[in-house]
């Protein structure tokens, strides 16, 4: 029996023995009573709040914070910015647009032709400069971003200065992402 199961068993046994009816009833019978069941749940809750290691074995690595992941991802995006948003790359939309978007299109990509058409319409609206990359460059950049580039890769990949989105995104969603970034100072 693992450490966590022993603790549950001990809590259940303690609750059962604390009840005046314990000798005549099994734990299952005791838990049929709503008041006893709530008391048992509170006891377990308190046990696990006091002893969280009972639920998570110490051999598991400590979870990394989301903030650390986000900071790392933003640093990678910043470092790749000159390649993602290269002045000489194929691009559409105004050069002085407030938002830059790099689109990585690998192969195979059944949704890429549709994405290209939708991106053209977004670029004409004027709030975004869209940089497109050929499949070889897309795979290289996706690998540097830490994304899958093999047969299971989700293309296209949309890369803003602060966010990466994998797989085809409907124009209405992209438009919201663009509006949100254009509104930032």
C-alpha atoms as a PDB file:
ATOM      1  CA  UNK A   1       0.000   0.000   0.000  1.00  0.00           C
ATOM      2  CA  UNK A   2       1.492   3.361  -1.006  1.00  0.00           C
ATOM      3  CA  UNK A   3       2.034   6.228   1.383  1.00  0.00           C
ATOM      4  CA  UNK A   4      -1.027   8.111   0.063  1.00  0.00           C
ATOM      5  CA  UNK A   5      -3.322   5.100   0.441  1.00  0.00           C
ATOM      6  CA  UNK A   6      -2.051   4.474   3.966  1.00  0.00           C
ATOM      7  CA  UNK A   7      -2.907   8.058   4.913  1.00  0.00           C
ATOM      8  CA  UNK A   8      -6.423   7.743   3.496  1.00  0.00           C
ATOM      9  CA  UNK A   9      -6.873   4.454   5.293  1.00  0.00           C
ATOM     10  CA  UNK A  10      -5.586   5.968   8.551  1.00  0.00           C
ATOM     11  CA  UNK A  11      -7.933   8.949   8.250  1.00  0.00           C
ATOM     12  CA  UNK A  12     -10.883   6.679   7.486  1.00  0.00           C
ATOM     13  CA  UNK A  13     -10.043   4.395  10.366  1.00  0.00           C
ATOM     14  CA  UNK A  14      -9.642   7.339  12.744  1.00  0.00           C
ATOM     15  CA  UNK A  15     -13.016   8.725  11.738  1.00  0.00           C
ATOM     16  CA  UNK A  16     -14.651   5.323  12.075  1.00  0.00           C
ATOM     17  CA  UNK A  17     -13.157   4.761  15.524  1.00  0.00           C
ATOM     18  CA  UNK A  18     -14.119   8.249  16.667  1.00  0.00           C
ATOM     19  CA  UNK A  19     -17.780   7.521  15.980  1.00  0.00           C
ATOM     20  CA  UNK A  20     -19.851   6.123  18.861  1.00  0.00           C
ATOM     21  CA  UNK A  21     -21.444   3.656  16.453  1.00  0.00           C
ATOM     22  CA  UNK A  22     -18.090   2.384  15.160  1.00  0.00           C
ATOM     23  CA  UNK A  23     -18.110  -1.101  16.656  1.00  0.00           C
ATOM     24  CA  UNK A  24     -21.451  -1.923  15.067  1.00  0.00           C
ATOM     25  CA  UNK A  25     -20.929  -0.327  11.662  1.00  0.00           C
ATOM     26  CA  UNK A  26     -18.451  -0.557   8.829  1.00  0.00           C
ATOM     27  CA  UNK A  27     -16.801   2.547   7.376  1.00  0.00           C
ATOM     28  CA  UNK A  28     -18.989   2.236   4.293  1.00  0.00           C
ATOM     29  CA  UNK A  29     -22.084   2.272   6.482  1.00  0.00           C
ATOM     30  CA  UNK A  30     -20.815   5.322   8.344  1.00  0.00           C
ATOM     31  CA  UNK A  31     -20.238   7.208   5.101  1.00  0.00           C
ATOM     32  CA  UNK A  32     -23.863   6.703   4.095  1.00  0.00           C
ATOM     33  CA  UNK A  33     -24.747   9.292   6.741  1.00  0.00           C
ATOM     34  CA  UNK A  34     -24.332  12.766   5.102  1.00  0.00           C
ATOM     35  CA  UNK A  35     -22.954  14.324   8.313  1.00  0.00           C
ATOM     36  CA  UNK A  36     -20.383  11.539   8.737  1.00  0.00           C
ATOM     37  CA  UNK A  37     -19.455  11.753   5.052  1.00  0.00           C
ATOM     38  CA  UNK A  38     -18.874  15.529   5.311  1.00  0.00           C
ATOM     39  CA  UNK A  39     -16.784  15.019   8.446  1.00  0.00           C
ATOM     40  CA  UNK A  40     -14.702  12.388   6.636  1.00  0.00           C
ATOM     41  CA  UNK A  41     -14.233  14.691   3.627  1.00  0.00           C
ATOM     42  CA  UNK A  42     -13.153  17.575   5.900  1.00  0.00           C
ATOM     43  CA  UNK A  43     -10.711  15.283   7.704  1.00  0.00           C
ATOM     44  CA  UNK A  44      -9.181  14.136   4.416  1.00  0.00           C
ATOM     45  CA  UNK A  45      -9.035  17.694   3.106  1.00  0.00           C
ATOM     46  CA  UNK A  46      -7.251  18.871   6.246  1.00  0.00           C
ATOM     47  CA  UNK A  47      -4.880  15.907   6.154  1.00  0.00           C
ATOM     48  CA  UNK A  48      -3.862  16.625   2.563  1.00  0.00           C
ATOM     49  CA  UNK A  49      -3.548  20.352   3.219  1.00  0.00           C
ATOM     50  CA  UNK A  50      -1.265  19.636   6.172  1.00  0.00           C
ATOM     51  CA  UNK A  51       0.673  16.867   4.419  1.00  0.00           C
ATOM     52  CA  UNK A  52       0.650  17.559   0.634  1.00  0.00           C
ATOM     53  CA  UNK A  53       3.566  15.188   0.106  1.00  0.00           C
ATOM     54  CA  UNK A  54       1.081  12.372   0.674  1.00  0.00           C
ATOM     55  CA  UNK A  55      -0.461  13.201  -2.708  1.00  0.00           C
ATOM     56  CA  UNK A  56       2.708  14.003  -4.658  1.00  0.00           C
ATOM     57  CA  UNK A  57       5.574  11.593  -4.193  1.00  0.00           C
ATOM     58  CA  UNK A  58       8.835  13.414  -3.462  1.00  0.00           C
ATOM     59  CA  UNK A  59      10.485  11.624  -6.409  1.00  0.00           C
ATOM     60  CA  UNK A  60       8.534  13.764  -8.884  1.00  0.00           C
ATOM     61  CA  UNK A  61      10.258  16.939 -10.048  1.00  0.00           C
ATOM     62  CA  UNK A  62       8.876  20.164  -8.644  1.00  0.00           C
ATOM     63  CA  UNK A  63       6.526  21.868 -11.087  1.00  0.00           C
ATOM     64  CA  UNK A  64       8.053  24.840 -12.893  1.00  0.00           C
ATOM     65  CA  UNK A  65       6.140  28.025 -12.734  1.00  0.00           C
ATOM     66  CA  UNK A  66       4.238  29.329 -15.726  1.00  0.00           C
ATOM     67  CA  UNK A  67       6.051  32.642 -15.336  1.00  0.00           C
ATOM     68  CA  UNK A  68       9.398  30.927 -15.881  1.00  0.00           C
ATOM     69  CA  UNK A  69       8.101  29.241 -19.051  1.00  0.00           C
ATOM     70  CA  UNK A  70       6.639  32.503 -20.333  1.00  0.00           C
ATOM     71  CA  UNK A  71       9.871  34.399 -19.676  1.00  0.00           C
ATOM     72  CA  UNK A  72      11.887  31.741 -21.504  1.00  0.00           C
ATOM     73  CA  UNK A  73       9.500  31.750 -24.457  1.00  0.00           C
ATOM     74  CA  UNK A  74       9.566  35.534 -24.708  1.00  0.00           C
ATOM     75  CA  UNK A  75      13.368  35.521 -24.614  1.00  0.00           C
ATOM     76  CA  UNK A  76      13.439  32.966 -27.452  1.00  0.00           C
ATOM     77  CA  UNK A  77      10.964  35.056 -29.463  1.00  0.00           C
ATOM     78  CA  UNK A  78      13.014  38.193 -28.879  1.00  0.00           C
ATOM     79  CA  UNK A  79      16.194  36.424 -29.970  1.00  0.00           C
ATOM     80  CA  UNK A  80      14.551  35.096 -33.132  1.00  0.00           C
ATOM     81  CA  UNK A  81      12.849  38.413 -33.948  1.00  0.00           C
ATOM     82  CA  UNK A  82      15.454  39.490 -36.532  1.00  0.00           C
ATOM     83  CA  UNK A  83      14.957  36.195 -38.409  1.00  0.00           C
ATOM     84  CA  UNK A  84      11.180  36.027 -38.002  1.00  0.00           C
ATOM     85  CA  UNK A  85      10.595  39.645 -39.019  1.00  0.00           C
ATOM     86  CA  UNK A  86      13.542  40.062 -41.416  1.00  0.00           C
ATOM     87  CA  UNK A  87      13.252  43.144 -43.644  1.00  0.00           C
ATOM     88  CA  UNK A  88      14.165  41.062 -46.698  1.00  0.00           C
ATOM     89  CA  UNK A  89      11.614  38.296 -46.043  1.00  0.00           C
ATOM     90  CA  UNK A  90       8.493  37.954 -48.162  1.00  0.00           C
ATOM     91  CA  UNK A  91       5.938  40.211 -46.520  1.00  0.00           C
ATOM     92  CA  UNK A  92       2.560  41.790 -47.044  1.00  0.00           C
ATOM     93  CA  UNK A  93       0.883  44.719 -45.360  1.00  0.00           C
ATOM     94  CA  UNK A  94       2.216  48.173 -44.553  1.00  0.00           C
ATOM     95  CA  UNK A  95       5.854  48.419 -43.457  1.00  0.00           C
ATOM     96  CA  UNK A  96       4.865  50.736 -40.622  1.00  0.00           C
ATOM     97  CA  UNK A  97       2.010  48.548 -39.346  1.00  0.00           C
ATOM     98  CA  UNK A  98       1.821  48.495 -35.532  1.00  0.00           C
ATOM     99  CA  UNK A  99       1.807  44.681 -35.380  1.00  0.00           C
ATOM    100  CA  UNK A 100       4.227  42.189 -36.905  1.00  0.00           C
ATOM    101  CA  UNK A 101       3.241  38.596 -37.555  1.00  0.00           C
ATOM    102  CA  UNK A 102       5.517  35.875 -38.897  1.00  0.00           C
ATOM    103  CA  UNK A 103       3.801  32.882 -40.457  1.00  0.00           C
ATOM    104  CA  UNK A 104       5.678  29.608 -40.744  1.00  0.00           C
ATOM    105  CA  UNK A 105       4.293  27.228 -43.346  1.00  0.00           C
ATOM    106  CA  UNK A 106       5.868  23.804 -43.482  1.00  0.00           C
ATOM    107  CA  UNK A 107       4.934  20.841 -45.597  1.00  0.00           C
ATOM    108  CA  UNK A 108       2.631  19.064 -45.726  1.00  0.00           C
ATOM    109  CA  UNK A 109       0.121  21.749 -44.855  1.00  0.00           C
ATOM    110  CA  UNK A 110      -3.381  21.206 -46.205  1.00  0.00           C
ATOM    111  CA  UNK A 111      -4.697  24.390 -44.578  1.00  0.00           C
ATOM    112  CA  UNK A 112      -1.846  26.672 -45.749  1.00  0.00           C
ATOM    113  CA  UNK A 113      -3.465  27.767 -49.064  1.00  0.00           C
ATOM    114  CA  UNK A 114      -6.573  28.860 -47.159  1.00  0.00           C
ATOM    115  CA  UNK A 115      -4.399  30.566 -44.526  1.00  0.00           C
ATOM    116  CA  UNK A 116      -2.484  32.480 -47.229  1.00  0.00           C
ATOM    117  CA  UNK A 117      -5.721  33.855 -48.682  1.00  0.00           C
ATOM    118  CA  UNK A 118      -6.993  34.866 -45.238  1.00  0.00           C
ATOM    119  CA  UNK A 119      -3.664  36.488 -44.346  1.00  0.00           C
ATOM    120  CA  UNK A 120      -3.771  38.548 -47.534  1.00  0.00           C
ATOM    121  CA  UNK A 121      -7.130  39.988 -46.492  1.00  0.00           C
ATOM    122  CA  UNK A 122      -5.818  40.765 -42.994  1.00  0.00           C
ATOM    123  CA  UNK A 123      -2.732  42.491 -44.415  1.00  0.00           C
ATOM    124  CA  UNK A 124      -4.915  44.707 -46.606  1.00  0.00           C
ATOM    125  CA  UNK A 125      -6.725  45.946 -43.496  1.00  0.00           C
ATOM    126  CA  UNK A 126      -3.454  47.714 -42.605  1.00  0.00           C
ATOM    127  CA  UNK A 127      -2.912  46.913 -38.917  1.00  0.00           C
ATOM    128  CA  UNK A 128      -0.422  44.102 -39.479  1.00  0.00           C
ATOM    129  CA  UNK A 129       2.754  43.396 -41.422  1.00  0.00           C
ATOM    130  CA  UNK A 130       2.834  39.674 -42.207  1.00  0.00           C
ATOM    131  CA  UNK A 131       6.154  37.945 -42.895  1.00  0.00           C
ATOM    132  CA  UNK A 132       5.862  34.570 -44.613  1.00  0.00           C
ATOM    133  CA  UNK A 133       8.573  31.938 -44.724  1.00  0.00           C
ATOM    134  CA  UNK A 134       9.211  29.061 -47.127  1.00  0.00           C
ATOM    135  CA  UNK A 135       8.936  25.473 -45.802  1.00  0.00           C
ATOM    136  CA  UNK A 136      12.702  25.002 -45.224  1.00  0.00           C
ATOM    137  CA  UNK A 137      13.056  28.266 -43.301  1.00  0.00           C
ATOM    138  CA  UNK A 138       9.784  27.566 -41.486  1.00  0.00           C
ATOM    139  CA  UNK A 139      11.053  24.192 -40.254  1.00  0.00           C
ATOM    140  CA  UNK A 140      14.334  25.750 -39.092  1.00  0.00           C
ATOM    141  CA  UNK A 141      12.581  28.570 -37.213  1.00  0.00           C
ATOM    142  CA  UNK A 142       9.985  26.196 -35.731  1.00  0.00           C
ATOM    143  CA  UNK A 143      12.796  23.974 -34.425  1.00  0.00           C
ATOM    144  CA  UNK A 144      14.493  27.002 -32.847  1.00  0.00           C
ATOM    145  CA  UNK A 145      11.170  27.830 -31.186  1.00  0.00           C
ATOM    146  CA  UNK A 146      11.106  24.306 -29.758  1.00  0.00           C
ATOM    147  CA  UNK A 147       8.141  23.197 -31.901  1.00  0.00           C
ATOM    148  CA  UNK A 148       7.506  19.885 -33.628  1.00  0.00           C
ATOM    149  CA  UNK A 149       8.779  19.905 -37.213  1.00  0.00           C
ATOM    150  CA  UNK A 150       8.228  16.280 -38.207  1.00  0.00           C
ATOM    151  CA  UNK A 151       5.178  14.554 -39.664  1.00  0.00           C
ATOM    152  CA  UNK A 152       3.023  15.539 -36.667  1.00  0.00           C
ATOM    153  CA  UNK A 153       3.799  19.259 -36.919  1.00  0.00           C
ATOM    154  CA  UNK A 154       0.849  21.630 -36.912  1.00  0.00           C
ATOM    155  CA  UNK A 155       1.219  24.105 -39.744  1.00  0.00           C
ATOM    156  CA  UNK A 156       0.846  27.010 -40.176  1.00  0.00           C
ATOM    157  CA  UNK A 157       2.494  28.522 -37.111  1.00  0.00           C
ATOM    158  CA  UNK A 158       1.607  32.139 -36.309  1.00  0.00           C
ATOM    159  CA  UNK A 159       4.329  34.023 -34.416  1.00  0.00           C
ATOM    160  CA  UNK A 160       3.753  37.421 -32.815  1.00  0.00           C
ATOM    161  CA  UNK A 161       6.470  39.159 -30.795  1.00  0.00           C
ATOM    162  CA  UNK A 162       4.970  37.708 -27.612  1.00  0.00           C
ATOM    163  CA  UNK A 163       2.989  34.619 -28.623  1.00  0.00           C
ATOM    164  CA  UNK A 164       3.057  31.515 -30.817  1.00  0.00           C
ATOM    165  CA  UNK A 165      -0.081  29.810 -32.118  1.00  0.00           C
ATOM    166  CA  UNK A 166       0.128  26.449 -33.895  1.00  0.00           C
ATOM    167  CA  UNK A 167      -2.345  25.208 -36.465  1.00  0.00           C
ATOM    168  CA  UNK A 168      -4.793  27.087 -38.672  1.00  0.00           C
ATOM    169  CA  UNK A 169      -6.447  30.008 -36.886  1.00  0.00           C
ATOM    170  CA  UNK A 170      -9.695  31.509 -38.216  1.00  0.00           C
ATOM    171  CA  UNK A 171      -9.355  35.124 -39.429  1.00  0.00           C
ATOM    172  CA  UNK A 172     -11.717  36.446 -36.753  1.00  0.00           C
ATOM    173  CA  UNK A 173      -9.411  35.077 -34.042  1.00  0.00           C
ATOM    174  CA  UNK A 174      -6.272  36.408 -35.739  1.00  0.00           C
ATOM    175  CA  UNK A 175      -7.997  39.781 -36.068  1.00  0.00           C
ATOM    176  CA  UNK A 176      -8.605  39.819 -32.292  1.00  0.00           C
ATOM    177  CA  UNK A 177      -4.955  38.953 -31.613  1.00  0.00           C
ATOM    178  CA  UNK A 178      -3.885  41.761 -33.946  1.00  0.00           C
ATOM    179  CA  UNK A 179      -6.297  44.297 -32.413  1.00  0.00           C
ATOM    180  CA  UNK A 180      -5.109  43.421 -28.913  1.00  0.00           C
ATOM    181  CA  UNK A 181      -1.456  43.926 -29.864  1.00  0.00           C
ATOM    182  CA  UNK A 182      -2.139  47.111 -31.868  1.00  0.00           C
ATOM    183  CA  UNK A 183      -3.835  48.656 -28.831  1.00  0.00           C
ATOM    184  CA  UNK A 184      -0.770  48.108 -26.603  1.00  0.00           C
ATOM    185  CA  UNK A 185       1.558  51.091 -26.131  1.00  0.00           C
END
